[in-house]
Amino acid sequence: MASLARWYHGHLTSRPILTQAVSTGVLFAAGDGIAQHAVEKRSIGDHDWARTGRLSAYGLFALGPAIAVWYRYLSKAVTIKSPLGSTVARVAIDQTVFAPTNTVCFFTAQGLMEGKSLDQVKTKLRESFLPTYKANCMLWPPIQMANFYFTPVNYQSLVVNTVALFWNSYLSMANAKK
């Protein structure tokens, strides 16, 4: 386990955005697996691989790089001297700017990758945005408070991705609802 941690740290240090993007893609796929098999009770033979691929692609190509860059930006842009004040400000900005933007991007990207029309994507956003954003606001602020306060910026996306294993299950189910 220690060698895996060293390997991950080495890649995180030398290629932070790529490493965080790949981690996010893998954990999106795992979250979808949890959603399909543990929650939806699908058999392995009934696994929707296209759905897993779409979610993983979103994590790898969109969210992973975005959070890697976003957390670095927040750590530099918020310059309040008090560590607690700085953390509160980062969480507030994260939850009022990044979280709703990512929610819209997620449902839009998933809908387009599913071949839905723009009208269908808009309908999905109207139906799913508010419940998803409310759930986001119940889960993420305390996690981000601890994350931004205690975790070095290079590891913040790893903390988020670990918790997101379950959040991604929720997103997968929210997106799969007809």
C-alpha atoms as a PDB file:
ATOM      1  CA  MET A   1       0.000   0.000   0.000  1.00  0.00           C
ATOM      2  CA  ALA A   2       2.867   2.351   0.802  1.00  0.00           C
ATOM      3  CA  SER A   3       4.354   1.799  -2.640  1.00  0.00           C
ATOM      4  CA  LEU A   4       1.002   2.662  -4.259  1.00  0.00           C
ATOM      5  CA  ALA A   5       0.881   5.869  -2.211  1.00  0.00           C
ATOM      6  CA  ARG A   6       4.441   6.746  -3.282  1.00  0.00           C
ATOM      7  CA  TRP A   7       3.595   5.999  -6.920  1.00  0.00           C
ATOM      8  CA  TYR A   8       0.468   8.163  -6.732  1.00  0.00           C
ATOM      9  CA  HIS A   9       2.318  11.000  -4.975  1.00  0.00           C
ATOM     10  CA  GLY A  10       5.067  10.891  -7.601  1.00  0.00           C
ATOM     11  CA  HIS A  11       2.566  11.177 -10.439  1.00  0.00           C
ATOM     12  CA  LEU A  12       0.563  13.795  -8.577  1.00  0.00           C
ATOM     13  CA  THR A  13       3.721  15.854  -8.192  1.00  0.00           C
ATOM     14  CA  SER A  14       5.002  15.434 -11.745  1.00  0.00           C
ATOM     15  CA  ARG A  15       1.659  15.445 -13.623  1.00  0.00           C
ATOM     16  CA  PRO A  16      -0.993  16.763 -11.217  1.00  0.00           C
ATOM     17  CA  ILE A  17      -3.756  17.589 -13.700  1.00  0.00           C
ATOM     18  CA  LEU A  18      -3.409  14.347 -15.661  1.00  0.00           C
ATOM     19  CA  THR A  19      -3.248  12.272 -12.468  1.00  0.00           C
ATOM     20  CA  GLN A  20      -6.317  13.987 -11.021  1.00  0.00           C
ATOM     21  CA  ALA A  21      -8.194  13.634 -14.324  1.00  0.00           C
ATOM     22  CA  VAL A  22      -7.490   9.901 -14.548  1.00  0.00           C
ATOM     23  CA  SER A  23      -8.424   9.423 -10.870  1.00  0.00           C
ATOM     24  CA  THR A  24     -11.708  11.232 -11.442  1.00  0.00           C
ATOM     25  CA  GLY A  25     -12.517   9.180 -14.531  1.00  0.00           C
ATOM     26  CA  VAL A  26     -11.806   5.894 -12.738  1.00  0.00           C
ATOM     27  CA  LEU A  27     -13.845   6.870  -9.696  1.00  0.00           C
ATOM     28  CA  PHE A  28     -16.770   8.019 -11.862  1.00  0.00           C
ATOM     29  CA  ALA A  29     -16.778   4.548 -13.437  1.00  0.00           C
ATOM     30  CA  ALA A  30     -16.634   2.934  -9.990  1.00  0.00           C
ATOM     31  CA  GLY A  31     -19.465   5.157  -8.737  1.00  0.00           C
ATOM     32  CA  ASP A  32     -21.597   4.111 -11.683  1.00  0.00           C
ATOM     33  CA  GLY A  33     -20.806   0.474 -10.914  1.00  0.00           C
ATOM     34  CA  ILE A  34     -22.028   0.989  -7.356  1.00  0.00           C
ATOM     35  CA  ALA A  35     -25.169   2.691  -8.666  1.00  0.00           C
ATOM     36  CA  GLN A  36     -25.944  -0.044 -11.183  1.00  0.00           C
ATOM     37  CA  HIS A  37     -25.207  -3.083  -9.031  1.00  0.00           C
ATOM     38  CA  ALA A  38     -25.517  -2.163  -5.357  1.00  0.00           C
ATOM     39  CA  VAL A  39     -28.391   0.310  -5.674  1.00  0.00           C
ATOM     40  CA  GLU A  40     -30.256  -0.571  -8.864  1.00  0.00           C
ATOM     41  CA  LYS A  41     -29.570  -4.303  -8.303  1.00  0.00           C
ATOM     42  CA  ARG A  42     -28.585  -4.991 -11.926  1.00  0.00           C
ATOM     43  CA  SER A  43     -26.792  -8.204 -12.708  1.00  0.00           C
ATOM     44  CA  ILE A  44     -23.283  -8.058 -14.177  1.00  0.00           C
ATOM     45  CA  GLY A  45     -24.740  -9.230 -17.481  1.00  0.00           C
ATOM     46  CA  ASP A  46     -27.143  -6.290 -17.446  1.00  0.00           C
ATOM     47  CA  HIS A  47     -24.423  -3.687 -16.837  1.00  0.00           C
ATOM     48  CA  ASP A  48     -24.846  -0.597 -19.029  1.00  0.00           C
ATOM     49  CA  TRP A  49     -21.269  -0.170 -20.255  1.00  0.00           C
ATOM     50  CA  ALA A  50     -22.151   2.824 -22.427  1.00  0.00           C
ATOM     51  CA  ARG A  51     -23.458   4.649 -19.359  1.00  0.00           C
ATOM     52  CA  THR A  52     -20.277   3.812 -17.447  1.00  0.00           C
ATOM     53  CA  GLY A  53     -18.223   5.044 -20.398  1.00  0.00           C
ATOM     54  CA  ARG A  54     -20.111   8.348 -20.576  1.00  0.00           C
ATOM     55  CA  LEU A  55     -19.690   8.971 -16.864  1.00  0.00           C
ATOM     56  CA  SER A  56     -16.024   8.011 -16.918  1.00  0.00           C
ATOM     57  CA  ALA A  57     -15.423  10.241 -19.947  1.00  0.00           C
ATOM     58  CA  TYR A  58     -17.011  13.167 -18.124  1.00  0.00           C
ATOM     59  CA  GLY A  59     -14.753  12.580 -15.122  1.00  0.00           C
ATOM     60  CA  LEU A  60     -11.621  12.119 -17.227  1.00  0.00           C
ATOM     61  CA  PHE A  61     -12.055  14.910 -19.761  1.00  0.00           C
ATOM     62  CA  ALA A  62     -14.197  17.495 -17.970  1.00  0.00           C
ATOM     63  CA  LEU A  63     -14.500  17.306 -14.200  1.00  0.00           C
ATOM     64  CA  GLY A  64     -11.058  15.896 -13.368  1.00  0.00           C
ATOM     65  CA  PRO A  65      -9.082  18.627 -15.124  1.00  0.00           C
ATOM     66  CA  ALA A  66     -11.589  21.260 -14.015  1.00  0.00           C
ATOM     67  CA  ILE A  67     -11.318  20.518 -10.301  1.00  0.00           C
ATOM     68  CA  ALA A  68      -7.540  20.229 -10.505  1.00  0.00           C
ATOM     69  CA  VAL A  69      -7.346  23.732 -11.969  1.00  0.00           C
ATOM     70  CA  TRP A  70     -10.217  25.105  -9.838  1.00  0.00           C
ATOM     71  CA  TYR A  71      -8.680  24.111  -6.492  1.00  0.00           C
ATOM     72  CA  ARG A  72      -5.360  25.682  -7.451  1.00  0.00           C
ATOM     73  CA  TYR A  73      -7.164  28.835  -8.517  1.00  0.00           C
ATOM     74  CA  LEU A  74      -9.137  29.016  -5.252  1.00  0.00           C
ATOM     75  CA  SER A  75      -6.016  28.537  -3.154  1.00  0.00           C
ATOM     76  CA  LYS A  76      -4.349  31.492  -4.907  1.00  0.00           C
ATOM     77  CA  ALA A  77      -7.370  33.760  -5.436  1.00  0.00           C
ATOM     78  CA  VAL A  78      -8.675  33.708  -1.869  1.00  0.00           C
ATOM     79  CA  THR A  79      -6.073  35.574   0.147  1.00  0.00           C
ATOM     80  CA  ILE A  80      -7.819  36.139   3.479  1.00  0.00           C
ATOM     81  CA  LYS A  81      -5.227  35.968   6.266  1.00  0.00           C
ATOM     82  CA  SER A  82      -7.338  33.920   8.662  1.00  0.00           C
ATOM     83  CA  PRO A  83      -7.154  30.204   7.773  1.00  0.00           C
ATOM     84  CA  LEU A  84     -10.760  29.716   8.881  1.00  0.00           C
ATOM     85  CA  GLY A  85     -11.963  32.818   7.021  1.00  0.00           C
ATOM     86  CA  SER A  86     -10.112  31.717   3.909  1.00  0.00           C
ATOM     87  CA  THR A  87     -11.643  28.240   4.137  1.00  0.00           C
ATOM     88  CA  VAL A  88     -15.166  29.600   4.580  1.00  0.00           C
ATOM     89  CA  ALA A  89     -14.673  31.912   1.588  1.00  0.00           C
ATOM     90  CA  ARG A  90     -13.374  29.056  -0.592  1.00  0.00           C
ATOM     91  CA  VAL A  91     -16.307  26.838   0.328  1.00  0.00           C
ATOM     92  CA  ALA A  92     -18.774  29.650  -0.356  1.00  0.00           C
ATOM     93  CA  ILE A  93     -17.232  30.337  -3.772  1.00  0.00           C
ATOM     94  CA  ASP A  94     -16.981  26.626  -4.564  1.00  0.00           C
ATOM     95  CA  GLN A  95     -20.633  26.000  -3.709  1.00  0.00           C
ATOM     96  CA  THR A  96     -22.059  29.087  -5.406  1.00  0.00           C
ATOM     97  CA  VAL A  97     -19.900  29.117  -8.551  1.00  0.00           C
ATOM     98  CA  PHE A  98     -18.370  25.719  -9.265  1.00  0.00           C
ATOM     99  CA  ALA A  99     -21.057  23.366  -7.925  1.00  0.00           C
ATOM    100  CA  PRO A 100     -23.998  24.770  -9.916  1.00  0.00           C
ATOM    101  CA  THR A 101     -21.849  25.188 -13.026  1.00  0.00           C
ATOM    102  CA  ASN A 102     -20.637  21.599 -12.795  1.00  0.00           C
ATOM    103  CA  THR A 103     -24.193  20.339 -12.241  1.00  0.00           C
ATOM    104  CA  VAL A 104     -25.353  22.036 -15.447  1.00  0.00           C
ATOM    105  CA  CYS A 105     -22.285  20.788 -17.332  1.00  0.00           C
ATOM    106  CA  PHE A 106     -22.788  17.247 -16.047  1.00  0.00           C
ATOM    107  CA  PHE A 107     -26.418  16.895 -17.121  1.00  0.00           C
ATOM    108  CA  THR A 108     -25.744  18.680 -20.412  1.00  0.00           C
ATOM    109  CA  ALA A 109     -22.726  16.520 -21.270  1.00  0.00           C
ATOM    110  CA  GLN A 110     -24.493  13.301 -20.289  1.00  0.00           C
ATOM    111  CA  GLY A 111     -27.566  14.203 -22.326  1.00  0.00           C
ATOM    112  CA  LEU A 112     -25.544  15.100 -25.399  1.00  0.00           C
ATOM    113  CA  MET A 113     -23.437  11.940 -25.119  1.00  0.00           C
ATOM    114  CA  GLU A 114     -26.689   9.958 -24.865  1.00  0.00           C
ATOM    115  CA  GLY A 115     -27.786  11.520 -28.164  1.00  0.00           C
ATOM    116  CA  LYS A 116     -30.561  13.620 -26.650  1.00  0.00           C
ATOM    117  CA  SER A 117     -31.784  16.774 -28.347  1.00  0.00           C
ATOM    118  CA  LEU A 118     -31.155  20.192 -26.799  1.00  0.00           C
ATOM    119  CA  ASP A 119     -34.837  20.348 -25.818  1.00  0.00           C
ATOM    120  CA  GLN A 120     -34.499  16.998 -24.028  1.00  0.00           C
ATOM    121  CA  VAL A 121     -31.358  18.218 -22.273  1.00  0.00           C
ATOM    122  CA  LYS A 122     -33.165  21.389 -21.158  1.00  0.00           C
ATOM    123  CA  THR A 123     -36.052  19.303 -19.824  1.00  0.00           C
ATOM    124  CA  LYS A 124     -33.610  17.092 -17.913  1.00  0.00           C
ATOM    125  CA  LEU A 125     -31.966  20.197 -16.433  1.00  0.00           C
ATOM    126  CA  ARG A 126     -35.334  21.619 -15.382  1.00  0.00           C
ATOM    127  CA  GLU A 127     -36.244  18.342 -13.681  1.00  0.00           C
ATOM    128  CA  SER A 128     -32.889  17.403 -12.166  1.00  0.00           C
ATOM    129  CA  PHE A 129     -30.878  20.547 -11.464  1.00  0.00           C
ATOM    130  CA  LEU A 130     -32.587  21.751  -8.283  1.00  0.00           C
ATOM    131  CA  PRO A 131     -32.870  18.375  -6.503  1.00  0.00           C
ATOM    132  CA  THR A 132     -29.256  17.586  -7.401  1.00  0.00           C
ATOM    133  CA  TYR A 133     -27.973  20.992  -6.308  1.00  0.00           C
ATOM    134  CA  LYS A 134     -29.909  20.715  -3.027  1.00  0.00           C
ATOM    135  CA  ALA A 135     -28.349  17.302  -2.394  1.00  0.00           C
ATOM    136  CA  ASN A 136     -24.960  18.804  -3.271  1.00  0.00           C
ATOM    137  CA  CYS A 137     -25.459  21.571  -0.704  1.00  0.00           C
ATOM    138  CA  MET A 138     -26.319  19.035   1.988  1.00  0.00           C
ATOM    139  CA  LEU A 139     -23.246  16.868   1.360  1.00  0.00           C
ATOM    140  CA  TRP A 140     -20.350  18.950   0.117  1.00  0.00           C
ATOM    141  CA  PRO A 141     -19.974  22.098   2.308  1.00  0.00           C
ATOM    142  CA  PRO A 142     -18.810  20.265   5.461  1.00  0.00           C
ATOM    143  CA  ILE A 143     -16.567  17.993   3.412  1.00  0.00           C
ATOM    144  CA  GLN A 144     -15.065  20.944   1.578  1.00  0.00           C
ATOM    145  CA  MET A 145     -14.567  22.835   4.857  1.00  0.00           C
ATOM    146  CA  ALA A 146     -12.385  20.000   6.147  1.00  0.00           C
ATOM    147  CA  ASN A 147     -10.783  19.462   2.741  1.00  0.00           C
ATOM    148  CA  PHE A 148      -9.820  23.099   2.146  1.00  0.00           C
ATOM    149  CA  TYR A 149      -8.682  23.580   5.750  1.00  0.00           C
ATOM    150  CA  PHE A 150      -6.583  20.438   6.256  1.00  0.00           C
ATOM    151  CA  THR A 151      -5.615  19.084   2.830  1.00  0.00           C
ATOM    152  CA  PRO A 152      -2.763  20.369   0.642  1.00  0.00           C
ATOM    153  CA  VAL A 153      -4.089  21.595  -2.715  1.00  0.00           C
ATOM    154  CA  ASN A 154      -2.510  18.723  -4.682  1.00  0.00           C
ATOM    155  CA  TYR A 155      -4.555  16.221  -2.655  1.00  0.00           C
ATOM    156  CA  GLN A 156      -7.857  18.098  -2.499  1.00  0.00           C
ATOM    157  CA  SER A 157      -9.259  16.429  -5.586  1.00  0.00           C
ATOM    158  CA  LEU A 158      -8.304  13.010  -4.153  1.00  0.00           C
ATOM    159  CA  VAL A 159     -10.365  13.763  -1.040  1.00  0.00           C
ATOM    160  CA  VAL A 160     -13.248  14.912  -3.215  1.00  0.00           C
ATOM    161  CA  ASN A 161     -12.925  11.896  -5.511  1.00  0.00           C
ATOM    162  CA  THR A 162     -12.991   9.512  -2.548  1.00  0.00           C
ATOM    163  CA  VAL A 163     -16.235  10.983  -1.212  1.00  0.00           C
ATOM    164  CA  ALA A 164     -17.452  11.356  -4.779  1.00  0.00           C
ATOM    165  CA  LEU A 165     -17.386   7.609  -5.226  1.00  0.00           C
ATOM    166  CA  PHE A 166     -20.775   7.687  -3.494  1.00  0.00           C
ATOM    167  CA  TRP A 167     -21.797  11.082  -4.897  1.00  0.00           C
ATOM    168  CA  ASN A 168     -21.130   9.770  -8.400  1.00  0.00           C
ATOM    169  CA  SER A 169     -23.478   6.887  -7.640  1.00  0.00           C
ATOM    170  CA  TYR A 170     -26.127   9.472  -6.803  1.00  0.00           C
ATOM    171  CA  LEU A 171     -25.385  11.463  -9.980  1.00  0.00           C
ATOM    172  CA  SER A 172     -25.495   8.310 -12.071  1.00  0.00           C
ATOM    173  CA  MET A 173     -28.931   7.438 -10.669  1.00  0.00           C
ATOM    174  CA  ALA A 174     -30.173  11.029 -10.998  1.00  0.00           C
ATOM    175  CA  ASN A 175     -29.109  11.068 -14.633  1.00  0.00           C
ATOM    176  CA  ALA A 176     -30.564   7.604 -15.331  1.00  0.00           C
ATOM    177  CA  LYS A 177     -34.024   8.607 -14.070  1.00  0.00           C
ATOM    178  CA  LYS A 178     -36.417   8.884 -16.952  1.00  0.00           C
END
